[in-house]
Protein backbone atom coordinates (compact mmCIF):
# COMPACT_ATOMS: atom_id res chain seq x y z
CA LEU A 1 -2.03 46.11 8.04
CA CYS A 2 0.76 45.29 10.53
CA LEU A 3 0.40 45.28 14.31
CA GLN A 4 3.18 45.13 16.88
CA GLY A 5 3.00 45.02 20.64
CA GLY A 6 5.98 43.94 22.68
CA ALA A 7 7.01 40.43 21.72
CA ILE A 8 3.95 39.87 19.50
CA ILE A 9 3.92 40.88 15.83
CA GLY A 10 0.86 40.46 13.62
CA SER A 11 -0.40 41.29 10.18
CA VAL A 12 -3.77 41.21 8.45
CA HIS A 13 -4.01 40.94 4.68
CA LEU A 14 -7.30 41.53 2.86
CA LYS A 15 -7.62 41.42 -0.90
CA ARG A 16 -10.37 41.46 -3.52
CA LEU A 17 -9.81 40.72 -7.21
CA ASP A 18 -12.58 41.55 -9.67
CA SER A 19 -11.59 40.46 -13.15
CA GLU A 20 -13.34 40.16 -16.49
CA GLY A 21 -11.10 38.42 -18.99
CA GLN A 22 -11.07 38.18 -22.74
CA PRO A 23 -12.01 34.89 -24.47
CA LEU A 24 -9.23 32.34 -24.09
CA THR A 25 -10.43 29.68 -26.55
CA PHE A 26 -12.47 29.49 -29.75
CA VAL A 27 -14.99 27.05 -31.16
CA THR A 28 -13.52 25.82 -34.43
CA ARG A 29 -14.00 23.29 -37.23
CA LEU A 30 -11.46 22.28 -39.82
CA VAL A 31 -12.78 23.01 -43.29
CA GLY A 32 -12.50 19.32 -44.16
CA ALA A 33 -14.29 18.06 -41.01
CA THR A 34 -17.72 17.87 -42.63
CA THR A 35 -20.79 15.72 -42.11
CA THR A 36 -23.23 14.39 -44.69
CA THR A 37 -26.24 15.42 -42.61
CA PRO A 38 -28.06 18.39 -44.19
CA GLY A 39 -27.57 21.58 -42.20
CA THR A 40 -29.09 24.98 -41.55
CA ALA A 41 -27.57 27.76 -43.64
CA VAL A 42 -25.69 30.17 -41.39
CA ASP A 43 -23.58 33.31 -41.69
CA GLY A 44 -20.76 34.65 -39.50
CA ALA A 45 -18.09 31.94 -39.69
CA VAL A 46 -14.57 33.35 -39.99
CA LEU A 47 -12.15 31.48 -42.25
CA ASP A 48 -8.63 31.26 -40.84
CA ALA A 49 -5.80 28.72 -40.36
CA ASP A 50 -4.71 26.68 -37.34
CA LYS A 51 -1.14 26.40 -36.01
CA SER A 52 -0.37 23.80 -38.72
CA ARG A 53 -1.64 26.21 -41.39
CA LEU A 54 -4.67 24.04 -42.08
CA PRO A 55 -7.78 26.02 -43.01
CA TRP A 56 -10.50 26.10 -40.38
CA TYR A 57 -13.56 28.11 -39.41
CA LEU A 58 -13.81 30.16 -36.23
CA LEU A 59 -17.40 29.71 -35.11
CA GLY A 60 -17.36 31.57 -31.80
CA ASP A 61 -15.37 32.35 -28.69
CA ALA A 62 -15.37 30.60 -25.32
CA THR A 63 -13.87 30.61 -21.84
CA GLN A 64 -14.59 34.27 -21.22
CA VAL A 65 -14.52 34.35 -17.43
CA ARG A 66 -15.75 36.92 -14.90
CA THR A 67 -14.05 36.24 -11.56
CA VAL A 68 -14.43 37.75 -8.10
CA GLN A 69 -11.94 36.53 -5.48
CA ASP A 70 -11.75 37.47 -1.81
CA HIS A 71 -8.70 36.59 0.26
CA ALA A 72 -8.11 37.12 3.98
CA LYS A 73 -4.98 36.15 5.91
CA LEU A 74 -3.96 36.62 9.53
CA LYS A 75 -0.35 36.08 10.63
CA LEU A 76 0.94 36.24 14.21
CA ALA A 77 4.46 35.81 15.57
CA TRP A 78 5.42 35.62 19.25
CA ASP A 79 9.04 35.91 20.40
CA LEU A 80 9.46 33.98 23.67
CA GLY A 81 13.13 34.76 24.18
CA SER A 82 16.26 32.58 23.99
CA GLY A 83 15.83 32.30 20.21
CA LEU A 84 12.36 30.70 20.49
CA ARG A 85 9.59 31.97 18.21
CA MET A 86 6.00 30.83 17.62
CA GLN A 87 4.23 31.65 14.37
CA GLY A 88 0.67 31.06 13.24
CA THR A 89 -1.24 31.68 10.01
CA LEU A 90 -4.94 31.53 9.19
CA GLY A 91 -6.22 31.98 5.65
CA TRP A 92 -9.58 32.06 3.88
CA TRP A 93 -9.99 32.22 0.09
CA VAL A 94 -13.30 32.58 -1.76
CA ASN A 95 -13.72 32.46 -5.52
CA ARG A 96 -16.85 33.05 -7.57
CA SER A 97 -16.60 32.82 -11.35
CA ALA A 98 -18.82 32.63 -14.40
CA ALA A 99 -17.51 31.43 -17.76
CA ASP A 100 -19.45 32.09 -20.94
CA SER A 101 -19.19 31.66 -24.71
CA HIS A 102 -20.58 33.45 -27.75
CA SER A 103 -21.51 32.14 -31.17
CA TYR A 104 -20.58 34.11 -34.27
CA LEU A 105 -23.17 32.18 -36.28
CA THR A 106 -26.61 33.45 -37.25
CA ARG A 107 -29.27 31.71 -39.31
CA THR A 108 -29.31 33.10 -42.83
CA ALA A 109 -33.10 32.95 -42.96
CA ASP A 110 -33.96 35.07 -39.92
CA GLY A 111 -30.72 36.28 -38.31
CA THR A 112 -31.19 34.43 -35.02
CA ALA A 113 -28.20 32.94 -33.20
CA PHE A 114 -27.14 29.39 -34.10
CA VAL A 115 -25.46 27.37 -31.33
CA SER A 116 -26.09 23.67 -31.92
CA GLY A 117 -27.10 21.24 -34.62
CA VAL A 118 -25.68 21.04 -38.15
CA ALA A 119 -24.45 24.33 -39.62
CA GLY A 120 -24.30 24.87 -43.36
CA ILE A 121 -21.24 26.98 -44.18
CA GLY A 122 -20.02 27.63 -47.71
CA GLY A 123 -21.94 24.67 -49.11
CA ARG A 124 -20.55 22.27 -46.47
CA ASN A 125 -22.12 20.95 -43.28
CA TYR A 126 -20.56 20.93 -39.79
CA ALA A 127 -21.97 19.30 -36.64
CA LEU A 128 -22.07 21.34 -33.41
CA SER A 129 -22.86 19.67 -30.08
CA ALA A 130 -24.85 21.15 -27.23
CA THR A 131 -21.66 21.77 -25.24
CA ASP A 132 -19.55 23.47 -27.93
CA PHE A 133 -20.72 26.85 -26.67
CA GLY A 134 -20.41 25.97 -23.01
CA GLN A 135 -20.93 27.83 -19.77
CA SER A 136 -19.96 27.23 -16.18
CA ARG A 137 -20.37 28.70 -12.72
CA GLU A 138 -18.06 28.11 -9.76
CA GLY A 139 -18.34 28.76 -6.04
CA LEU A 140 -15.25 27.95 -3.97
CA ALA A 141 -14.23 28.54 -0.36
CA HIS A 142 -10.91 27.15 0.89
CA ALA A 143 -9.47 27.41 4.42
CA MET A 144 -5.90 26.94 5.62
CA ALA A 145 -4.08 27.07 8.94
CA GLY A 146 -0.47 26.63 9.96
CA VAL A 147 1.61 26.84 13.13
CA THR A 148 5.39 26.76 13.58
CA ALA A 149 7.58 26.63 16.67
CA ARG A 150 11.24 27.44 15.99
CA ARG A 151 14.35 27.78 18.09
CA HIS A 152 17.24 29.43 16.31
CA THR A 153 20.30 30.69 18.15
CA GLY A 154 23.10 29.68 15.80
CA GLY A 155 24.58 27.66 18.66
CA VAL A 156 25.06 23.93 19.11
CA PHE A 157 21.42 22.87 18.70
CA ASP A 158 18.43 24.41 16.88
CA TRP A 159 15.07 22.92 15.92
CA THR A 160 11.79 23.59 14.08
CA LEU A 161 8.32 22.03 14.49
CA ALA A 162 5.59 22.77 11.93
CA ALA A 163 2.01 21.70 11.18
CA SER A 164 -0.40 22.84 8.48
CA THR A 165 -3.76 21.98 6.99
CA TYR A 166 -5.68 22.97 3.85
CA ASP A 167 -9.35 22.19 3.33
CA TYR A 168 -11.77 22.59 0.42
CA ARG A 169 -14.69 23.73 2.55
CA ARG A 170 -16.77 24.41 -0.55
CA ASP A 171 -15.82 23.67 -4.14
CA LEU A 172 -18.78 23.41 -6.49
CA SER A 173 -18.71 23.78 -10.27
CA ARG A 174 -21.89 23.94 -12.36
CA ALA A 175 -22.24 23.39 -16.12
CA PRO A 176 -25.27 22.89 -18.39
CA THR A 177 -25.90 19.82 -20.51
CA VAL A 178 -28.38 21.69 -22.72
CA ALA A 179 -27.42 24.15 -25.44
CA LYS A 180 -27.86 27.88 -25.58
CA PRO A 181 -30.20 29.71 -25.48
CA ALA A 182 -32.07 27.29 -23.20
CA ALA A 183 -29.05 27.06 -20.90
CA ASP A 184 -29.09 30.84 -20.38
CA ALA A 185 -32.26 30.46 -18.33
CA GLY A 186 -31.26 27.29 -16.45
CA GLY A 187 -32.13 23.83 -17.66
CA ALA A 188 -30.47 20.49 -17.01
CA GLY A 189 -26.82 20.31 -16.05
CA ARG A 190 -24.17 18.67 -13.93
CA LEU A 191 -22.57 19.61 -10.63
CA THR A 192 -18.96 18.73 -9.76
CA ASP A 193 -18.33 18.87 -6.02
CA LEU A 194 -14.81 18.62 -4.52
CA ALA A 195 -15.76 19.48 -0.93
CA GLY A 196 -13.64 17.51 1.53
CA THR A 197 -10.50 17.49 -0.61
CA GLY A 198 -7.38 18.78 1.15
CA TRP A 199 -4.19 17.87 2.98
CA THR A 200 -2.31 18.05 6.29
CA SER A 201 1.41 18.04 7.05
CA LEU A 202 3.61 17.61 10.13
CA SER A 203 7.38 18.07 10.25
CA ALA A 204 10.23 18.23 12.73
CA LYS A 205 13.77 19.35 11.89
CA ALA A 206 16.90 19.70 13.98
CA ILE A 207 20.39 21.10 13.43
CA TRP A 208 23.35 19.95 15.52
CA ARG A 209 26.68 21.77 15.31
CA PRO A 210 29.26 19.87 17.39
CA THR A 211 32.02 22.12 16.01
CA ALA A 212 32.21 25.25 13.91
CA ALA A 213 33.24 23.14 10.90
CA HIS A 214 30.64 20.35 11.27
CA GLN A 215 26.82 20.50 10.94
CA LEU A 216 24.32 17.64 11.07
CA ASP A 217 20.74 18.18 9.80
CA LEU A 218 17.98 15.72 10.78
CA GLY A 219 14.29 15.70 9.95
CA VAL A 220 11.06 13.71 9.84
CA GLN A 221 7.87 14.54 7.98
CA GLN A 222 4.38 13.18 7.40
CA GLU A 223 1.95 14.39 4.73
CA ARG A 224 -1.59 13.19 4.11
CA TYR A 225 -3.67 14.08 1.05
CA ARG A 226 -7.32 13.30 0.33
CA TRP A 227 -9.36 13.56 -2.86
CA ARG A 228 -13.17 13.73 -2.81
CA GLN A 229 -15.11 14.25 -6.04
CA ARG A 230 -18.80 13.87 -6.81
CA ILE A 231 -20.57 14.53 -10.10
CA ASP A 232 -24.37 14.74 -10.04
CA ASN A 233 -27.17 15.67 -12.38
CA ALA A 234 -29.28 18.73 -11.66
CA ALA A 235 -32.59 19.91 -13.08
CA ASP A 236 -31.40 23.53 -12.86
CA TRP A 237 -27.67 23.82 -13.50
CA MET A 238 -27.49 27.42 -12.31
CA ALA A 239 -29.04 27.11 -8.84
CA GLY A 240 -30.62 23.69 -8.44
CA ALA A 241 -29.65 20.92 -6.05
CA ALA A 242 -28.22 17.56 -7.10
CA THR A 243 -30.82 15.05 -8.29
CA THR A 244 -29.28 11.77 -9.48
CA PRO A 245 -25.63 10.66 -9.14
CA VAL A 246 -23.36 10.40 -12.17
CA SER A 247 -20.08 9.35 -10.57
CA ALA A 248 -18.05 9.60 -7.36
CA ILE A 249 -14.30 9.19 -6.95
CA GLN A 250 -12.19 9.32 -3.83
CA GLY A 251 -8.82 8.25 -2.45
CA ASP A 252 -5.99 9.15 -0.10
CA THR A 253 -2.22 9.19 -0.15
CA GLU A 254 0.28 9.42 2.69
CA LEU A 255 4.01 10.11 2.68
CA ARG A 256 6.34 9.53 5.63
CA SER A 257 9.96 10.54 5.29
CA VAL A 258 13.14 10.93 7.31
CA PHE A 259 16.40 12.54 6.23
CA VAL A 260 19.91 13.13 7.50
CA GLN A 261 22.57 15.40 6.05
CA ASP A 262 26.15 15.74 7.25
CA ALA A 263 28.27 18.71 6.19
CA TRP A 264 31.96 19.27 6.94
CA ALA A 265 34.09 22.31 6.27
CA VAL A 266 37.36 20.44 5.71
CA ASP A 267 39.24 23.74 5.77
CA THR A 268 38.49 27.33 4.82
CA ARG A 269 38.20 26.40 1.12
CA TRP A 270 36.83 22.84 0.97
CA LYS A 271 33.38 21.65 2.05
CA ALA A 272 31.77 18.20 1.68
CA VAL A 273 28.14 17.15 2.12
CA LEU A 274 26.57 13.68 2.39
CA GLY A 275 22.86 13.06 2.77
CA LEU A 276 20.21 10.35 2.68
CA ARG A 277 16.42 10.54 2.52
CA ALA A 278 14.12 7.56 3.17
CA GLU A 279 10.47 7.71 2.06
CA ASP A 280 7.49 5.48 2.71
CA TRP A 281 4.52 6.23 0.41
CA ILE A 282 1.05 4.66 0.33
CA ALA A 283 -2.12 5.22 -1.67
CA TYR A 284 -5.27 3.80 -0.14
CA GLY A 285 -9.05 4.10 0.11
CA GLY A 286 -9.47 4.57 -3.63
CA ARG A 287 -12.87 3.81 -5.09
CA LYS A 288 -15.11 4.90 -7.93
CA SER A 289 -18.84 4.57 -8.47
CA THR A 290 -20.98 5.26 -11.53
CA GLY A 291 -24.61 6.17 -11.04
CA THR A 292 -26.15 3.98 -8.35
CA ALA A 293 -23.90 0.98 -9.10
CA VAL A 294 -21.79 -0.67 -6.41
CA PRO A 295 -18.47 1.21 -6.05
CA VAL A 296 -15.34 -0.28 -7.61
CA THR A 297 -12.45 -0.43 -5.13
CA PHE A 298 -8.87 0.23 -6.23
CA GLN A 299 -5.98 -1.79 -4.91
CA ASP A 300 -3.79 -0.03 -2.34
CA ARG A 301 -0.19 0.82 -3.26
CA HIS A 302 2.80 0.85 -0.91
CA GLU A 303 6.30 1.86 -2.01
CA ARG A 304 9.59 2.74 -0.32
CA TYR A 305 12.53 4.70 -1.68
CA LEU A 306 16.05 5.73 -0.65
CA SER A 307 17.50 8.93 -2.11
CA PRO A 308 21.20 9.60 -1.47
CA LYS A 309 23.11 12.79 -2.25
CA ALA A 310 26.74 13.90 -2.17
CA ALA A 311 28.45 17.18 -2.92
CA VAL A 312 31.87 18.76 -2.65
CA GLY A 313 32.63 22.45 -2.98
CA PHE A 314 35.83 24.47 -3.40
CA GLN A 315 36.10 28.21 -2.78
CA VAL A 316 38.61 29.43 -5.35
CA ASP A 317 38.47 33.03 -4.14
CA PRO A 318 35.84 35.27 -2.51
CA ASP A 319 34.04 35.75 -5.85
CA LEU A 320 34.36 32.25 -7.34
CA SER A 321 33.33 28.83 -6.04
CA LEU A 322 33.18 25.40 -7.70
CA LYS A 323 30.72 22.67 -6.75
CA LEU A 324 30.25 19.06 -7.84
CA SER A 325 27.13 17.23 -6.70
CA THR A 326 25.08 14.14 -7.42
CA GLY A 327 21.84 12.81 -6.00
CA ARG A 328 18.58 11.01 -6.54
CA ALA A 329 15.04 12.30 -6.08
CA VAL A 330 11.74 10.43 -6.40
CA ARG A 331 8.45 12.08 -7.30
CA MET A 332 5.31 10.27 -6.20
CA PRO A 333 2.02 10.84 -8.06
CA THR A 334 -0.25 13.41 -6.48
CA VAL A 335 -3.63 12.42 -5.09
CA GLY A 336 -5.31 14.32 -7.93
CA GLU A 337 -3.27 12.50 -10.57
CA LEU A 338 -4.27 9.16 -9.06
CA PHE A 339 -7.94 9.70 -8.35
CA GLN A 340 -9.23 12.69 -10.31
CA GLY A 341 -11.68 11.70 -13.05
CA ASN A 342 -14.59 12.81 -15.15
CA ALA A 343 -18.03 11.36 -15.58
CA GLY A 344 -17.78 8.05 -17.35
CA SER A 345 -13.97 8.10 -17.47
CA ASP A 346 -11.42 5.73 -16.06
CA VAL A 347 -9.06 6.82 -13.32
């Protein structure tokens, strides 16, 4: 839906996705991965081969997900004249999903489903854990906002100012720690909560054109990222509240950068570009706790980088151009790569 009135232009985007996917993974056991523990005789295993052509049994399917997503976005643009434009965006995204699994195995004696324990297949025994046939439920709600002010005339001086934010308002995943069929009716489980995770960014860019053949680009930027993760036990994994803590991990990163790029059109056929980017990156506030123990604090990191670039281009004719360029770019670890973890794991 688009709206226009004078100097103001707006659009509203609403979307719902209702999807039920096929199983994406399978519960398997290599034929040779046996245990000496006596097992329950079962039927239903499918003999096949893995990607290395090793024989294995397919015992069931997993990661069959039903997903309902709702997305709403509002965009407004306001032309103020003299090449000046203001733009704003608001977004809201909600996701609800349920992942399930299904066992192919049934007890030979009575035909009931077999989902955990030791399965006797073809005279061999295979151990199945309570989480092999897993389930999960997710409820997510993320919000974003952005605003941009831009002056573009194509004259001597143009500029752009921008700010944005993204916030995990709600991000809760639920999974059982008990096996089917008990898990189908609730039972103990764990909750993984990422509420509070998100990022913000600020940037300013300018273009100066002292002559028609010379352009100077300048810019500064600041980005802040935060990671918040809690894992808790729950008496009812489907709908219950958190009971006792399992682990909590958090941390922040920040990147400040400034760049300059100078471009000359030497003549109608030759063009040269030189640029330099300076970056100041820090990771701070990292800590991890397990259960009710005192949190372990991670040491802060602070690093600086310079990234130069150079390029020269030659226009052979209107349909053919040649370009030679070199440069350096540095990728910092994301806040999730630094601080994301699982219960009982190291970061």
